[in-house]
Amino acid sequence: MDRRSMLGLFATSFAASYMAPKALAAAGNWEDDFSRFMIDGLRKTGTAGVSVATVRNGRTQFVRGFGLADVQARTPVTPDTAFHIASVSKVVTGTAMMMLHEQGAFRLDDPIAPYLDFAVVHPAFPDTPITFRHLLSHTSGIADTVYNDRNGDFAAGGDPALQLRDFLAGYLSPNGRWYAQAGSFNDARPGSTWAYSNVGIALLGYLAGRVNAERQGLDVLTQKRLFSPLGMRNTGWSLAAMGKAPLAQPYARQERGLKALAPAGAPSWPAGLLRSSARDFARILEIFSGEGAVDGRRYLQQGTLATFLSPQPVAVDQNVQQALIWTLREQNGHLAMHYGGDVGADSVAALDVNKRVGALMFSNVTGNDEFRVFQKEAMERLLERARTA
């Protein structure tokens, strides 16, 4: 299975397997016990490094790095080490879009076609417009099939040369270079069926640049409205934007040790190419745990947050509901999650909406089943600590 076609599977299976947390150690010993658990987990799973953080009521409680950002150089992971966070990037794309929605730039059920400068129409259902809500909830009918099958056309070892608009127009518009009626779109009417779509979120990111009054691209928009005011100095959509930020070297597991990989790159960058540190991304989670406000500055109104995190008409499956961007599961409260997996990256962010807490865990190694068992328990421990600290 292609690496990108696995993202939706991991996003739902992780949430579906979430279990009640184990009992915690006494508060005074928690950090020591957690550190031992993490170091042991890195050793057992052959993982180079991870970073973690927890937030509560709009403030970061705990942030820590474990293991190595660069094995050869013996560079340790710190709270400021920037990881490729793969599809957890979608949380930022969605947040930017909901900020624009709140400001009246579009309505969720508006058709997207009038906002675009190229044609996007589902070929099997031309009379059913694709809406912003469809893109935000993975029900647009836009498929990743061609993107997965022709991954060699799109993958880049670093910042992609192919521009976002050129990629999207070539993929989604009839007569486009990569357009295929049965591969660029699935056979479901928009709004009727859930199907995880990286291309759909990439299109959402392009729309961010079309609907804001200044016509600023998503990268400029998020820097201006999120990263800079939140003090996120080690976060960016491209390697060029990262400057001198400390970067985690990506790795793949081999039978003997780890193999260093080239940095990931793809033209669908709003769907999965953000690099961020645990300390930085915790600031994004602070918006959600702080009812939209961080350090006295409001980023989203409470009503917008409620819409953001509300179940949408089409569920993922019988256990997992789809919100806007986030997936939802009722387990010890209202649990919102987003997973990210790519070559050399494995990440997860979660929110207990009722308790106003959140947690994250980023890694610089391609995930596998053994790692995800470790990841799941680490997240359980982090969330429960955030709830009770």
Protein backbone atom coordinates (compact mmCIF):
# COMPACT_ATOMS: atom_id res chain seq x y z
CA MET A 1 0.00 0.00 0.00
CA ASP A 2 1.32 3.46 -0.88
CA ARG A 3 2.45 5.57 2.05
CA ARG A 4 -0.14 8.28 1.41
CA SER A 5 -3.00 5.83 1.01
CA MET A 6 -2.25 4.61 4.53
CA LEU A 7 -2.87 7.98 6.19
CA GLY A 8 -6.63 7.73 6.48
CA LEU A 9 -6.36 4.15 7.73
CA PHE A 10 -3.93 5.16 10.48
CA ALA A 11 -6.02 8.20 11.40
CA THR A 12 -9.06 6.07 12.12
CA SER A 13 -7.40 2.94 13.49
CA PHE A 14 -5.42 4.92 16.07
CA ALA A 15 -8.57 6.59 17.37
CA ALA A 16 -10.56 3.36 17.26
CA SER A 17 -7.95 1.54 19.35
CA TYR A 18 -7.74 4.23 22.03
CA MET A 19 -8.30 2.61 25.39
CA ALA A 20 -8.82 3.86 28.92
CA PRO A 21 -5.53 5.07 30.46
CA LYS A 22 -3.60 3.08 33.00
CA ALA A 23 -3.30 4.32 36.54
CA LEU A 24 -0.68 7.03 36.96
CA ALA A 25 2.25 7.14 39.31
CA ALA A 26 2.17 9.63 42.16
CA ALA A 27 2.40 13.21 40.94
CA GLY A 28 5.90 13.75 42.32
CA ASN A 29 7.27 10.80 40.39
CA TRP A 30 5.35 11.24 37.16
CA GLU A 31 8.02 12.96 35.08
CA ASP A 32 10.73 10.50 36.13
CA ASP A 33 8.46 7.52 35.45
CA PHE A 34 7.36 8.95 32.12
CA SER A 35 10.97 9.62 31.07
CA ARG A 36 11.93 6.03 31.85
CA PHE A 37 8.91 4.79 29.89
CA MET A 38 9.82 6.93 26.88
CA ILE A 39 13.50 6.00 26.82
CA ASP A 40 12.59 2.33 27.11
CA GLY A 41 10.03 2.74 24.32
CA LEU A 42 12.58 4.33 21.99
CA ARG A 43 14.96 1.45 22.60
CA LYS A 44 12.38 -1.29 22.11
CA THR A 45 10.91 0.23 18.93
CA GLY A 46 14.20 1.31 17.35
CA THR A 47 13.09 4.94 17.23
CA ALA A 48 15.61 7.75 16.93
CA GLY A 49 13.76 10.52 18.71
CA VAL A 50 10.41 11.95 19.77
CA SER A 51 9.07 15.14 21.26
CA VAL A 52 5.92 15.45 23.37
CA ALA A 53 3.82 18.17 24.95
CA THR A 54 0.64 18.64 26.96
CA VAL A 55 -1.66 21.67 27.24
CA ARG A 56 -4.43 22.57 29.66
CA ASN A 57 -6.83 25.52 29.69
CA GLY A 58 -4.86 27.42 27.07
CA ARG A 59 -1.38 26.91 28.55
CA THR A 60 1.42 24.46 27.85
CA GLN A 61 2.04 22.28 30.91
CA PHE A 62 4.80 19.94 29.82
CA VAL A 63 7.12 19.74 26.82
CA ARG A 64 10.08 17.42 26.44
CA GLY A 65 12.33 15.80 23.87
CA PHE A 66 13.66 12.25 24.04
CA GLY A 67 16.30 10.48 21.97
CA LEU A 68 18.19 11.86 19.00
CA ALA A 69 17.32 14.36 16.31
CA ASP A 70 20.40 13.25 14.37
CA VAL A 71 21.88 9.85 15.16
CA GLN A 72 25.20 10.35 13.38
CA ALA A 73 25.83 13.75 14.96
CA ARG A 74 24.42 12.58 18.32
CA THR A 75 22.20 15.67 18.43
CA PRO A 76 19.54 15.30 21.12
CA VAL A 77 15.87 16.11 20.59
CA THR A 78 14.85 19.22 22.50
CA PRO A 79 11.43 20.90 22.86
CA ASP A 80 12.50 23.19 19.99
CA THR A 81 13.52 20.47 17.51
CA ALA A 82 11.34 20.82 14.41
CA PHE A 83 9.84 17.59 13.06
CA HIS A 84 8.07 16.91 9.79
CA ILE A 85 4.58 16.38 11.26
CA ALA A 86 2.92 15.00 8.10
CA SER A 87 -0.90 15.11 8.18
CA VAL A 88 -1.10 16.81 11.56
CA SER A 89 -0.36 19.80 9.31
CA LYS A 90 -4.04 19.69 8.37
CA VAL A 91 -4.94 21.03 11.82
CA VAL A 92 -3.17 24.29 10.94
CA THR A 93 -4.76 24.45 7.48
CA GLY A 94 -8.16 23.89 9.06
CA THR A 95 -7.53 26.48 11.77
CA ALA A 96 -6.62 29.11 9.19
CA MET A 97 -9.75 28.31 7.21
CA MET A 98 -11.98 28.55 10.26
CA MET A 99 -10.45 31.91 11.13
CA LEU A 100 -11.37 33.09 7.62
CA HIS A 101 -14.84 31.55 7.92
CA GLU A 102 -15.39 33.41 11.18
CA GLN A 103 -14.41 36.66 9.46
CA GLY A 104 -17.05 36.12 6.77
CA ALA A 105 -14.75 35.16 3.90
CA PHE A 106 -16.98 32.16 3.06
CA ARG A 107 -19.77 30.03 4.46
CA LEU A 108 -19.21 26.35 5.10
CA ASP A 109 -21.87 25.27 2.61
CA ASP A 110 -20.78 27.66 -0.13
CA PRO A 111 -19.74 25.95 -3.38
CA ILE A 112 -15.99 26.32 -3.90
CA ALA A 113 -16.17 26.79 -7.70
CA PRO A 114 -16.84 30.57 -7.69
CA TYR A 115 -13.70 31.11 -5.56
CA LEU A 116 -11.35 29.23 -7.92
CA ASP A 117 -9.49 30.25 -11.06
CA PHE A 118 -9.70 26.76 -12.59
CA ALA A 119 -12.54 24.28 -12.96
CA VAL A 120 -13.29 21.71 -10.25
CA VAL A 121 -16.48 19.71 -10.85
CA HIS A 122 -17.17 16.12 -9.89
CA PRO A 123 -17.49 14.50 -13.36
CA ALA A 124 -20.08 11.93 -12.25
CA PHE A 125 -22.20 14.50 -10.37
CA PRO A 126 -21.78 17.83 -12.17
CA ASP A 127 -25.00 19.21 -10.65
CA THR A 128 -23.80 18.65 -7.05
CA PRO A 129 -21.34 21.39 -6.10
CA ILE A 130 -18.35 20.65 -3.91
CA THR A 131 -18.46 22.86 -0.82
CA PHE A 132 -16.00 24.03 1.82
CA ARG A 133 -17.66 21.69 4.31
CA HIS A 134 -17.06 18.76 1.98
CA LEU A 135 -13.34 19.53 1.81
CA LEU A 136 -13.07 20.04 5.57
CA SER A 137 -14.84 16.75 6.27
CA HIS A 138 -13.29 14.49 3.59
CA THR A 139 -16.59 14.08 1.73
CA SER A 140 -15.81 16.02 -1.46
CA GLY A 141 -15.44 13.01 -3.75
CA ILE A 142 -11.88 14.10 -4.62
CA ALA A 143 -9.69 11.00 -4.66
CA ASP A 144 -6.00 10.47 -4.00
CA THR A 145 -5.82 7.52 -6.39
CA VAL A 146 -3.80 9.18 -9.14
CA TYR A 147 -1.67 10.95 -6.54
CA ASN A 148 -0.77 7.62 -4.97
CA ASP A 149 -0.33 5.73 -8.24
CA ARG A 150 1.90 8.41 -9.75
CA ASN A 151 3.71 9.36 -6.59
CA GLY A 152 7.00 9.56 -8.49
CA ASP A 153 5.64 12.52 -10.43
CA PHE A 154 4.96 14.46 -7.25
CA ALA A 155 7.49 13.43 -4.58
CA ALA A 156 10.43 15.74 -4.04
CA GLY A 157 13.53 15.49 -1.86
CA GLY A 158 12.87 18.79 -0.14
CA ASP A 159 10.84 21.80 -1.19
CA PRO A 160 8.71 20.92 -4.26
CA ALA A 161 9.36 22.71 -7.55
CA LEU A 162 5.77 22.13 -8.70
CA GLN A 163 3.57 24.99 -7.53
CA LEU A 164 0.37 24.27 -5.59
CA ARG A 165 -1.95 25.80 -8.19
CA ASP A 166 -0.25 24.00 -11.09
CA PHE A 167 -0.54 20.70 -9.28
CA LEU A 168 -4.21 21.17 -8.39
CA ALA A 169 -5.28 22.44 -11.82
CA GLY A 170 -3.39 19.61 -13.49
CA TYR A 171 -4.98 17.05 -11.19
CA LEU A 172 -8.59 18.26 -10.91
CA SER A 173 -9.42 20.10 -14.13
CA PRO A 174 -10.46 18.22 -17.30
CA ASN A 175 -7.54 18.06 -19.75
CA GLY A 176 -5.14 18.61 -16.86
CA ARG A 177 -1.82 16.79 -17.04
CA TRP A 178 -2.73 14.25 -14.34
CA TYR A 179 -6.51 14.36 -14.59
CA ALA A 180 -8.33 11.02 -14.68
CA GLN A 181 -12.07 10.88 -14.16
CA ALA A 182 -11.85 7.58 -12.29
CA GLY A 183 -8.71 8.52 -10.33
CA SER A 184 -8.98 12.20 -9.54
CA PHE A 185 -12.50 11.63 -8.19
CA ASN A 186 -14.20 8.65 -6.60
CA ASP A 187 -17.66 7.36 -7.52
CA ALA A 188 -19.50 9.00 -4.59
CA ARG A 189 -21.69 12.08 -4.79
CA PRO A 190 -20.11 15.03 -2.90
CA GLY A 191 -21.36 15.05 0.67
CA SER A 192 -22.45 11.41 0.69
CA THR A 193 -19.39 9.31 1.57
CA TRP A 194 -16.29 9.73 3.72
CA ALA A 195 -12.97 9.18 1.92
CA TYR A 196 -9.75 10.67 3.27
CA SER A 197 -8.31 13.07 0.71
CA ASN A 198 -4.92 14.76 0.82
CA VAL A 199 -5.63 16.42 -2.51
CA GLY A 200 -8.88 17.78 -1.09
CA ILE A 201 -7.06 19.42 1.82
CA ALA A 202 -4.40 20.76 -0.55
CA LEU A 203 -7.26 22.39 -2.48
CA LEU A 204 -8.57 23.82 0.79
CA GLY A 205 -5.13 25.33 1.42
CA TYR A 206 -5.17 26.92 -2.03
CA LEU A 207 -8.62 28.33 -1.33
CA ALA A 208 -7.25 30.00 1.81
CA GLY A 209 -5.25 32.21 -0.51
CA ARG A 210 -8.28 32.93 -2.70
CA VAL A 211 -10.79 33.96 -0.04
CA ASN A 212 -8.77 36.27 2.22
CA ALA A 213 -8.96 39.97 1.39
CA GLU A 214 -5.20 40.36 0.89
CA ARG A 215 -5.01 37.27 -1.36
CA GLN A 216 -2.14 36.00 0.77
CA GLY A 217 -1.20 32.34 0.30
CA LEU A 218 -1.71 29.92 3.16
CA ASP A 219 1.99 30.04 4.05
CA VAL A 220 2.01 33.84 4.38
CA LEU A 221 -1.40 33.88 6.04
CA THR A 222 -0.49 31.36 8.75
CA GLN A 223 2.82 33.07 9.43
CA LYS A 224 1.07 36.40 9.91
CA ARG A 225 -2.00 35.25 11.83
CA LEU A 226 -0.75 32.21 13.75
CA PHE A 227 2.97 31.51 13.83
CA SER A 228 4.27 35.04 14.49
CA PRO A 229 1.75 36.12 17.14
CA LEU A 230 2.05 32.75 18.91
CA GLY A 231 5.87 32.98 18.91
CA MET A 232 6.24 29.81 16.80
CA ARG A 233 9.82 30.40 15.64
CA ASN A 234 10.57 26.83 14.61
CA THR A 235 7.59 26.22 12.33
CA GLY A 236 7.26 26.54 8.56
CA TRP A 237 5.73 25.07 5.42
CA SER A 238 9.05 24.75 3.56
CA LEU A 239 12.69 24.10 4.36
CA ALA A 240 13.45 27.56 3.03
CA ALA A 241 11.09 29.05 5.62
CA MET A 242 12.76 27.15 8.46
CA GLY A 243 15.99 29.15 8.30
CA LYS A 244 18.32 28.02 11.06
CA ALA A 245 15.67 26.16 13.05
CA PRO A 246 16.95 22.86 14.52
CA LEU A 247 15.56 20.08 12.30
CA ALA A 248 15.06 16.41 13.09
CA GLN A 249 16.73 14.14 10.54
CA PRO A 250 14.13 11.71 9.13
CA TYR A 251 14.86 7.96 9.25
CA ALA A 252 13.51 4.64 8.07
CA ARG A 253 13.94 1.47 10.08
CA GLN A 254 16.15 -1.25 8.63
CA GLU A 255 17.07 -4.72 9.84
CA ARG A 256 20.26 -3.22 11.20
CA GLY A 257 19.69 0.25 12.56
CA LEU A 258 18.27 3.32 10.88
CA LYS A 259 18.64 4.72 7.37
CA ALA A 260 18.83 8.50 6.98
CA LEU A 261 16.34 9.85 4.44
CA ALA A 262 16.12 12.96 2.31
CA PRO A 263 13.62 15.52 3.61
CA ALA A 264 10.08 14.95 2.37
CA GLY A 265 8.53 17.21 -0.22
CA ALA A 266 5.27 17.26 -2.18
CA PRO A 267 3.18 19.89 -4.00
CA SER A 268 0.20 19.06 -1.74
CA TRP A 269 1.99 20.86 1.10
CA PRO A 270 -1.11 22.24 2.93
CA ALA A 271 -2.10 18.61 3.57
CA GLY A 272 1.11 17.39 5.12
CA LEU A 273 4.38 19.29 4.80
CA LEU A 274 4.51 21.47 7.92
CA ARG A 275 7.57 21.22 10.14
CA SER A 276 7.13 22.25 13.75
CA SER A 277 8.52 21.68 17.22
CA ALA A 278 6.60 20.32 20.17
CA ARG A 279 6.88 23.66 21.96
CA ASP A 280 5.55 25.50 18.89
CA PHE A 281 2.70 23.17 17.99
CA ALA A 282 1.53 23.10 21.59
CA ARG A 283 0.64 26.74 20.97
CA ILE A 284 -1.84 25.64 18.30
CA LEU A 285 -3.36 23.18 20.79
CA GLU A 286 -3.57 26.01 23.31
CA ILE A 287 -6.12 27.69 21.04
CA PHE A 288 -8.39 24.66 21.31
CA SER A 289 -7.87 24.09 25.04
CA GLY A 290 -8.17 27.80 25.82
CA GLU A 291 -11.61 28.24 24.23
CA GLY A 292 -10.06 30.10 21.32
CA ALA A 293 -7.83 32.52 23.25
CA VAL A 294 -4.11 32.35 24.07
CA ASP A 295 -2.27 34.89 26.26
CA GLY A 296 -5.28 37.19 26.14
CA ARG A 297 -5.46 37.22 22.33
CA ARG A 298 -8.46 35.62 20.68
CA TYR A 299 -7.85 33.46 17.62
CA LEU A 300 -11.27 31.82 17.33
CA GLN A 301 -14.63 32.53 18.93
CA GLN A 302 -16.08 29.79 21.12
CA GLY A 303 -18.94 29.27 18.68
CA THR A 304 -16.48 28.74 15.83
CA LEU A 305 -14.57 26.22 17.92
CA ALA A 306 -17.80 24.38 18.65
CA THR A 307 -18.51 24.18 14.91
CA PHE A 308 -14.92 23.12 14.22
CA LEU A 309 -15.19 20.20 16.63
CA SER A 310 -18.80 19.14 15.96
CA PRO A 311 -19.66 15.83 14.29
CA GLN A 312 -20.43 16.18 10.60
CA PRO A 313 -23.27 14.42 8.75
CA VAL A 314 -21.07 11.60 7.38
CA ALA A 315 -19.12 9.51 9.91
CA VAL A 316 -15.82 7.74 9.32
CA ASP A 317 -17.23 4.45 10.63
CA GLN A 318 -19.46 3.22 13.46
CA ASN A 319 -16.84 4.13 16.08
CA VAL A 320 -15.32 7.34 14.74
CA GLN A 321 -17.07 10.54 13.71
CA GLN A 322 -15.65 13.20 11.44
CA ALA A 323 -15.54 16.79 12.64
CA LEU A 324 -14.03 19.54 10.51
CA ILE A 325 -10.47 18.22 9.98
CA TRP A 326 -10.40 16.38 13.35
CA THR A 327 -11.83 12.92 13.96
CA LEU A 328 -13.90 12.36 17.10
CA ARG A 329 -14.34 9.51 19.55
CA GLU A 330 -16.23 9.38 22.82
CA GLN A 331 -13.82 7.81 25.31
CA ASN A 332 -13.31 9.36 28.74
CA GLY A 333 -14.77 12.52 27.29
CA HIS A 334 -14.92 14.04 23.85
CA LEU A 335 -11.64 12.99 22.20
CA ALA A 336 -10.57 14.77 19.00
CA MET A 337 -7.55 13.39 17.17
CA HIS A 338 -5.40 13.83 14.11
CA TYR A 339 -2.71 11.44 13.01
CA GLY A 340 0.15 12.02 10.56
CA GLY A 341 2.34 9.43 8.89
CA ASP A 342 4.88 9.74 6.09
CA VAL A 343 8.30 8.38 5.22
CA GLY A 344 10.52 9.45 8.10
CA ALA A 345 7.67 10.91 10.16
CA ASP A 346 4.99 9.73 12.56
CA SER A 347 2.91 12.18 14.57
CA VAL A 348 -0.31 12.55 16.51
CA ALA A 349 -2.22 15.34 18.24
CA ALA A 350 -5.25 14.87 20.49
CA LEU A 351 -7.71 16.97 22.46
CA ASP A 352 -10.02 16.06 25.32
CA VAL A 353 -12.57 18.73 24.50
CA ASN A 354 -14.59 18.34 27.69
CA LYS A 355 -11.55 18.64 29.95
CA ARG A 356 -9.90 21.38 27.83
CA VAL A 357 -6.61 19.51 27.57
CA GLY A 358 -4.47 18.27 24.71
CA ALA A 359 -1.30 16.36 23.91
CA LEU A 360 1.02 15.67 20.99
CA MET A 361 3.83 13.32 20.05
CA PHE A 362 6.16 13.77 17.06
CA SER A 363 8.74 11.26 15.78
CA ASN A 364 11.44 11.30 13.08
CA VAL A 365 11.11 7.64 12.03
CA THR A 366 8.60 5.96 9.72
CA GLY A 367 5.95 4.37 11.93
CA ASN A 368 5.10 0.69 12.24
CA ASP A 369 2.71 -1.38 14.36
CA GLU A 370 5.15 -1.75 17.26
CA PHE A 371 5.80 1.98 17.35
CA ARG A 372 2.10 2.79 17.38
CA VAL A 373 1.52 0.61 20.45
CA PHE A 374 4.21 2.69 22.17
CA GLN A 375 2.75 5.91 20.75
CA LYS A 376 -0.76 5.07 21.95
CA GLU A 377 0.35 4.38 25.52
CA ALA A 378 2.49 7.52 25.59
CA MET A 379 -0.48 9.61 24.48
CA GLU A 380 -2.73 7.97 27.07
CA ARG A 381 -0.24 8.87 29.79
CA LEU A 382 0.14 12.42 28.53
CA LEU A 383 -3.60 13.06 28.26
CA GLU A 384 -4.35 11.63 31.67
CA ARG A 385 -1.57 13.67 33.23
CA ALA A 386 -2.96 16.80 31.58
CA ARG A 387 -6.44 16.01 32.91
CA THR A 388 -5.34 15.54 36.50
CA ALA A 389 -2.31 17.82 36.95
